[in-house]
Structures are given as C-alpha cells and as structure tokens.
Amino acid sequence: MKMTKYNNNELNTMITEHINENQFIISKSDKEFIVAFTHALEEMGYIYGETIGNGFCWGKYMLIFRKANAKSKNVVARIYVRADSIVLRLFFNNVTKHSDYIDSTPENIKNVFVGKYGTCTHCKGDNCKFRKDYEISGTKFEKCNGTTFEFYNPNVERLPDYIELFREFYPVKGA
C-alpha cells in the first residue's frame, strides 16, 4: 500500500466518491467521523488503501486500516459500515501491559475493555485461539476476539479519545 497524504477536502471527496460508487447511505456525522479518523491515522502512517470492501458478517462494507508501506498486512483498525450506523473496531494485543492506561480512560473507552460485551462464551478450555485474555485493575477478562474493542456510533467529539487509545497501543516511533 502506498502512503498518500490527503488534506481534509481530498479525503472528504474521496470517501464521498467511494460512498456514491458503492451506493450506500451514510449519515453526515458518520462521514465526518470517517474522514477525521482516516486523516488522524494517516498522520501516524496508517491508511485504508483507498478502497471500501465487503464487510461480510460485520456490516455491508468496511474500511481496513494498515501500516502504510509495510510488508506486514496486520490490520490495526476497521470501520464497519452498517445499515444504520458505523462501528469503529481497533485491534490490540498485550492489553494487560496497558492496564494502567485503560483504567484511567473515559468510560466510553474503558467499558469496551471491562464491560460485559464480547465476553467469551462460545468455547471452553485453554486452547481457544479466538479469545483475548487480559487483566485490568486485578480483574481478569476473557473476550471473544471476533467482537473485541468495538466502539458503536463513534463520533468526531470522541475522536481524541480513540486516537489517544490508538497511540497507546501503536506509538509513533521517533516521536
């Protein structure tokens, strides 16, 4: 994936073209969030590859964010476009290492890690490859990896919270 810098107007135009091309309806506030989030991640070296793909079971469409110009195809974030809203999903590992940070975040962030949503219930035993295990404030959590770290109805007002969280797990090297 090639890293291309866009200004906000260019991002807005590009996403609008993709939305029109894929013929799905998205609210103005959701579009504003997508543009702002895309711009913020681009500033840190992450892109969605200028395509909006099939969302499979997560939503009708999705944007998949990865490190630009990297050999690794590891996904760091997705935005699922659903019939009535968008969902921001962030991909994190080694959550326990960030326990103190998570414990001090606003409720809209912290609850994604410590709330009931996503609690692993589909499997038994210690060999589940679809489980995220971590500890925050001395409490152990087991979440299903298929539904972890999802933020429903993200908006521009909460964007600084999401970006700060993202930077905690993906610090900009050399900054």
C-alpha atoms as a PDB file:
ATOM      1  CA  MET A   1       0.000   0.000   0.000  1.00  0.00           C
ATOM      2  CA  LYS A   2       1.330   3.369  -0.951  1.00  0.00           C
ATOM      3  CA  MET A   3       1.168   6.205   1.578  1.00  0.00           C
ATOM      4  CA  THR A   4      -0.606   9.193   0.094  1.00  0.00           C
ATOM      5  CA  LYS A   5      -1.161  12.391   2.046  1.00  0.00           C
ATOM      6  CA  TYR A   6      -4.579  13.958   1.616  1.00  0.00           C
ATOM      7  CA  ASN A   7      -5.987  17.136   3.005  1.00  0.00           C
ATOM      8  CA  ASN A   8      -9.453  17.060   4.588  1.00  0.00           C
ATOM      9  CA  ASN A   9     -11.198  18.200   1.394  1.00  0.00           C
ATOM     10  CA  GLU A  10      -9.473  15.497  -0.644  1.00  0.00           C
ATOM     11  CA  LEU A  11     -10.360  12.832   1.930  1.00  0.00           C
ATOM     12  CA  ASN A  12     -13.939  14.063   2.023  1.00  0.00           C
ATOM     13  CA  THR A  13     -14.142  13.926  -1.784  1.00  0.00           C
ATOM     14  CA  MET A  14     -12.507  10.500  -1.973  1.00  0.00           C
ATOM     15  CA  ILE A  15     -14.776   8.966   0.664  1.00  0.00           C
ATOM     16  CA  THR A  16     -17.837  10.617  -0.883  1.00  0.00           C
ATOM     17  CA  GLU A  17     -16.884   9.106  -4.255  1.00  0.00           C
ATOM     18  CA  HIS A  18     -16.479   5.684  -2.656  1.00  0.00           C
ATOM     19  CA  ILE A  19     -19.801   6.036  -0.879  1.00  0.00           C
ATOM     20  CA  ASN A  20     -21.565   7.016  -4.105  1.00  0.00           C
ATOM     21  CA  GLU A  21     -19.746   4.294  -6.036  1.00  0.00           C
ATOM     22  CA  ASN A  22     -20.834   1.633  -3.543  1.00  0.00           C
ATOM     23  CA  GLN A  23     -24.317   3.126  -3.281  1.00  0.00           C
ATOM     24  CA  PHE A  24     -24.823   3.011   0.436  1.00  0.00           C
ATOM     25  CA  ILE A  25     -26.337   5.634   2.649  1.00  0.00           C
ATOM     26  CA  ILE A  26     -24.241   7.077   5.420  1.00  0.00           C
ATOM     27  CA  SER A  27     -25.121   9.933   7.735  1.00  0.00           C
ATOM     28  CA  LYS A  28     -23.263  13.217   7.581  1.00  0.00           C
ATOM     29  CA  SER A  29     -21.883  12.711  11.104  1.00  0.00           C
ATOM     30  CA  ASP A  30     -20.662   9.188  10.248  1.00  0.00           C
ATOM     31  CA  LYS A  31     -18.986  10.500   7.107  1.00  0.00           C
ATOM     32  CA  GLU A  32     -17.359  13.294   9.124  1.00  0.00           C
ATOM     33  CA  PHE A  33     -16.025  10.707  11.566  1.00  0.00           C
ATOM     34  CA  ILE A  34     -14.642   8.521   8.774  1.00  0.00           C
ATOM     35  CA  VAL A  35     -12.847  11.493   7.223  1.00  0.00           C
ATOM     36  CA  ALA A  36     -11.446  12.704  10.560  1.00  0.00           C
ATOM     37  CA  PHE A  37     -10.371   9.220  11.681  1.00  0.00           C
ATOM     38  CA  THR A  38      -8.777   8.486   8.303  1.00  0.00           C
ATOM     39  CA  HIS A  39      -6.883  11.774   8.431  1.00  0.00           C
ATOM     40  CA  ALA A  40      -5.687  11.175  12.018  1.00  0.00           C
ATOM     41  CA  LEU A  41      -4.438   7.661  11.225  1.00  0.00           C
ATOM     42  CA  GLU A  42      -2.818   8.856   8.021  1.00  0.00           C
ATOM     43  CA  GLU A  43      -0.838  11.365  10.086  1.00  0.00           C
ATOM     44  CA  MET A  44       0.520   8.402  12.074  1.00  0.00           C
ATOM     45  CA  GLY A  45       1.370   6.368   8.967  1.00  0.00           C
ATOM     46  CA  TYR A  46      -1.727   4.168   8.609  1.00  0.00           C
ATOM     47  CA  ILE A  47      -4.034   4.014   5.586  1.00  0.00           C
ATOM     48  CA  TYR A  48      -7.105   2.139   4.434  1.00  0.00           C
ATOM     49  CA  GLY A  49      -5.803   1.604   0.917  1.00  0.00           C
ATOM     50  CA  GLU A  50      -8.355   3.860  -0.760  1.00  0.00           C
ATOM     51  CA  THR A  51     -10.931   1.090  -1.035  1.00  0.00           C
ATOM     52  CA  ILE A  52     -14.113   0.235   0.781  1.00  0.00           C
ATOM     53  CA  GLY A  53     -14.544  -3.532   0.764  1.00  0.00           C
ATOM     54  CA  ASN A  54     -17.189  -6.093   1.541  1.00  0.00           C
ATOM     55  CA  GLY A  55     -17.954  -6.109   5.258  1.00  0.00           C
ATOM     56  CA  PHE A  56     -19.017  -9.768   5.331  1.00  0.00           C
ATOM     57  CA  CYS A  57     -20.765 -10.511   8.642  1.00  0.00           C
ATOM     58  CA  TRP A  58     -19.606  -7.264  10.338  1.00  0.00           C
ATOM     59  CA  GLY A  59     -21.513  -4.869   8.090  1.00  0.00           C
ATOM     60  CA  LYS A  60     -22.282  -4.257   4.464  1.00  0.00           C
ATOM     61  CA  TYR A  61     -18.929  -2.528   3.878  1.00  0.00           C
ATOM     62  CA  MET A  62     -15.733  -1.835   5.764  1.00  0.00           C
ATOM     63  CA  LEU A  63     -12.573   0.214   5.613  1.00  0.00           C
ATOM     64  CA  ILE A  64      -9.492  -1.729   6.712  1.00  0.00           C
ATOM     65  CA  PHE A  65      -6.565   0.267   8.103  1.00  0.00           C
ATOM     66  CA  ARG A  66      -2.967  -0.997   7.953  1.00  0.00           C
ATOM     67  CA  LYS A  67       0.512   0.441   8.298  1.00  0.00           C
ATOM     68  CA  ALA A  68       1.481   2.145   5.048  1.00  0.00           C
ATOM     69  CA  ASN A  69       4.478   0.784   3.147  1.00  0.00           C
ATOM     70  CA  ALA A  70       4.815  -2.208   5.463  1.00  0.00           C
ATOM     71  CA  LYS A  71       5.316  -5.816   4.407  1.00  0.00           C
ATOM     72  CA  SER A  72       3.008  -6.950   7.194  1.00  0.00           C
ATOM     73  CA  LYS A  73      -0.679  -6.977   6.365  1.00  0.00           C
ATOM     74  CA  ASN A  74      -1.685  -6.709  10.039  1.00  0.00           C
ATOM     75  CA  VAL A  75      -4.970  -4.881  10.497  1.00  0.00           C
ATOM     76  CA  VAL A  76      -4.888  -2.099  13.116  1.00  0.00           C
ATOM     77  CA  ALA A  77      -8.437  -0.777  12.716  1.00  0.00           C
ATOM     78  CA  ARG A  78     -11.637  -1.235  10.774  1.00  0.00           C
ATOM     79  CA  ILE A  79     -14.700   0.892  10.281  1.00  0.00           C
ATOM     80  CA  TYR A  80     -17.758  -1.238   9.628  1.00  0.00           C
ATOM     81  CA  VAL A  81     -20.499   0.456   7.629  1.00  0.00           C
ATOM     82  CA  ARG A  82     -23.831  -0.979   8.689  1.00  0.00           C
ATOM     83  CA  ALA A  83     -27.349  -0.215   7.534  1.00  0.00           C
ATOM     84  CA  ASP A  84     -27.986   2.384  10.232  1.00  0.00           C
ATOM     85  CA  SER A  85     -24.579   3.354  11.637  1.00  0.00           C
ATOM     86  CA  ILE A  86     -20.851   2.754  11.665  1.00  0.00           C
ATOM     87  CA  VAL A  87     -18.724   0.825  14.159  1.00  0.00           C
ATOM     88  CA  LEU A  88     -15.061   1.513  14.872  1.00  0.00           C
ATOM     89  CA  ARG A  89     -13.061  -1.572  15.744  1.00  0.00           C
ATOM     90  CA  LEU A  90      -9.483  -1.305  16.969  1.00  0.00           C
ATOM     91  CA  PHE A  91      -7.114  -4.279  17.041  1.00  0.00           C
ATOM     92  CA  PHE A  92      -4.975  -4.610  20.152  1.00  0.00           C
ATOM     93  CA  ASN A  93      -2.597  -7.149  21.647  1.00  0.00           C
ATOM     94  CA  ASN A  94      -0.875  -7.282  25.040  1.00  0.00           C
ATOM     95  CA  VAL A  95      -3.762  -5.459  26.684  1.00  0.00           C
ATOM     96  CA  THR A  96      -2.581  -6.209  30.227  1.00  0.00           C
ATOM     97  CA  LYS A  97       0.579  -4.193  29.526  1.00  0.00           C
ATOM     98  CA  HIS A  98      -1.686  -1.142  29.046  1.00  0.00           C
ATOM     99  CA  SER A  99      -3.861  -1.816  32.110  1.00  0.00           C
ATOM    100  CA  ASP A 100      -2.974   1.399  33.959  1.00  0.00           C
ATOM    101  CA  TYR A 101      -3.707   3.494  30.884  1.00  0.00           C
ATOM    102  CA  ILE A 102      -7.058   1.770  30.232  1.00  0.00           C
ATOM    103  CA  ASP A 103      -8.032   2.122  33.874  1.00  0.00           C
ATOM    104  CA  SER A 104      -7.637   5.902  33.600  1.00  0.00           C
ATOM    105  CA  THR A 105      -9.555   6.372  30.328  1.00  0.00           C
ATOM    106  CA  PRO A 106     -13.068   7.852  29.983  1.00  0.00           C
ATOM    107  CA  GLU A 107     -15.947   5.401  30.498  1.00  0.00           C
ATOM    108  CA  ASN A 108     -16.734   5.219  26.755  1.00  0.00           C
ATOM    109  CA  ILE A 109     -13.248   3.731  26.234  1.00  0.00           C
ATOM    110  CA  LYS A 110     -12.804   1.769  29.452  1.00  0.00           C
ATOM    111  CA  ASN A 111     -16.168  -0.001  29.174  1.00  0.00           C
ATOM    112  CA  VAL A 112     -15.137  -1.619  25.876  1.00  0.00           C
ATOM    113  CA  PHE A 113     -12.367  -3.402  27.796  1.00  0.00           C
ATOM    114  CA  VAL A 114     -14.119  -4.128  31.107  1.00  0.00           C
ATOM    115  CA  GLY A 115     -17.823  -4.278  30.176  1.00  0.00           C
ATOM    116  CA  LYS A 116     -19.833  -7.422  29.525  1.00  0.00           C
ATOM    117  CA  TYR A 117     -19.998  -7.032  25.738  1.00  0.00           C
ATOM    118  CA  GLY A 118     -17.749  -9.514  23.970  1.00  0.00           C
ATOM    119  CA  THR A 119     -17.282 -11.807  26.960  1.00  0.00           C
ATOM    120  CA  CYS A 120     -16.124 -15.167  25.635  1.00  0.00           C
ATOM    121  CA  THR A 121     -18.946 -17.729  25.861  1.00  0.00           C
ATOM    122  CA  HIS A 122     -18.605 -19.890  22.751  1.00  0.00           C
ATOM    123  CA  CYS A 123     -15.746 -22.126  23.809  1.00  0.00           C
ATOM    124  CA  LYS A 124     -14.303 -23.980  26.765  1.00  0.00           C
ATOM    125  CA  GLY A 125     -10.747 -24.719  27.816  1.00  0.00           C
ATOM    126  CA  ASP A 126      -7.382 -23.062  27.452  1.00  0.00           C
ATOM    127  CA  ASN A 127      -6.824 -23.692  23.737  1.00  0.00           C
ATOM    128  CA  CYS A 128      -9.244 -21.185  22.227  1.00  0.00           C
ATOM    129  CA  LYS A 129      -7.498 -19.218  19.508  1.00  0.00           C
ATOM    130  CA  PHE A 130     -10.388 -16.766  19.346  1.00  0.00           C
ATOM    131  CA  ARG A 131     -10.067 -15.437  22.874  1.00  0.00           C
ATOM    132  CA  LYS A 132      -8.392 -12.276  24.164  1.00  0.00           C
ATOM    133  CA  ASP A 133      -7.232 -12.755  27.757  1.00  0.00           C
ATOM    134  CA  TYR A 134      -6.066  -9.786  29.782  1.00  0.00           C
ATOM    135  CA  GLU A 135      -6.135  -8.235  33.235  1.00  0.00           C
ATOM    136  CA  ILE A 136      -7.129  -4.697  34.252  1.00  0.00           C
ATOM    137  CA  SER A 137      -7.016  -3.497  37.869  1.00  0.00           C
ATOM    138  CA  GLY A 138      -6.541  -7.035  39.122  1.00  0.00           C
ATOM    139  CA  THR A 139      -9.616  -8.355  37.277  1.00  0.00           C
ATOM    140  CA  LYS A 140      -9.179 -10.985  34.575  1.00  0.00           C
ATOM    141  CA  PHE A 141     -11.165 -10.694  31.355  1.00  0.00           C
ATOM    142  CA  GLU A 142     -11.773 -13.171  28.565  1.00  0.00           C
ATOM    143  CA  LYS A 143     -13.260 -11.631  25.453  1.00  0.00           C
ATOM    144  CA  CYS A 144     -14.144 -13.230  22.143  1.00  0.00           C
ATOM    145  CA  ASN A 145     -11.609 -11.971  19.614  1.00  0.00           C
ATOM    146  CA  GLY A 146     -14.358 -11.644  16.994  1.00  0.00           C
ATOM    147  CA  THR A 147     -16.120  -8.899  18.950  1.00  0.00           C
ATOM    148  CA  THR A 148     -13.380  -7.132  20.892  1.00  0.00           C
ATOM    149  CA  PHE A 149     -12.654  -3.444  21.072  1.00  0.00           C
ATOM    150  CA  GLU A 150     -15.676  -2.237  19.104  1.00  0.00           C
ATOM    151  CA  PHE A 151     -16.924   1.326  19.524  1.00  0.00           C
ATOM    152  CA  TYR A 152     -20.508   1.828  18.416  1.00  0.00           C
ATOM    153  CA  ASN A 153     -21.670   5.122  16.933  1.00  0.00           C
ATOM    154  CA  PRO A 154     -18.239   6.762  17.046  1.00  0.00           C
ATOM    155  CA  ASN A 155     -18.285  10.494  16.530  1.00  0.00           C
ATOM    156  CA  VAL A 156     -15.896  13.361  15.934  1.00  0.00           C
ATOM    157  CA  GLU A 157     -16.347  14.642  19.506  1.00  0.00           C
ATOM    158  CA  ARG A 158     -14.878  11.387  20.863  1.00  0.00           C
ATOM    159  CA  LEU A 159     -12.158  11.147  18.197  1.00  0.00           C
ATOM    160  CA  PRO A 160      -9.406  12.395  20.558  1.00  0.00           C
ATOM    161  CA  ASP A 161     -10.228   9.510  22.949  1.00  0.00           C
ATOM    162  CA  TYR A 162      -9.940   6.938  20.155  1.00  0.00           C
ATOM    163  CA  ILE A 163      -6.716   8.430  18.791  1.00  0.00           C
ATOM    164  CA  GLU A 164      -5.121   8.647  22.239  1.00  0.00           C
ATOM    165  CA  LEU A 165      -6.035   4.991  22.818  1.00  0.00           C
ATOM    166  CA  PHE A 166      -4.657   4.042  19.405  1.00  0.00           C
ATOM    167  CA  ARG A 167      -1.384   5.848  20.161  1.00  0.00           C
ATOM    168  CA  GLU A 168      -1.079   3.988  23.459  1.00  0.00           C
ATOM    169  CA  PHE A 169      -1.017   0.675  21.583  1.00  0.00           C
ATOM    170  CA  TYR A 170       0.669   1.913  18.391  1.00  0.00           C
ATOM    171  CA  PRO A 171       3.099   4.636  19.453  1.00  0.00           C
ATOM    172  CA  VAL A 172       4.595   6.701  16.661  1.00  0.00           C
ATOM    173  CA  LYS A 173       8.236   5.737  16.506  1.00  0.00           C
ATOM    174  CA  GLY A 174      10.697   8.594  16.754  1.00  0.00           C
ATOM    175  CA  ALA A 175       8.094  10.936  18.230  1.00  0.00           C
END
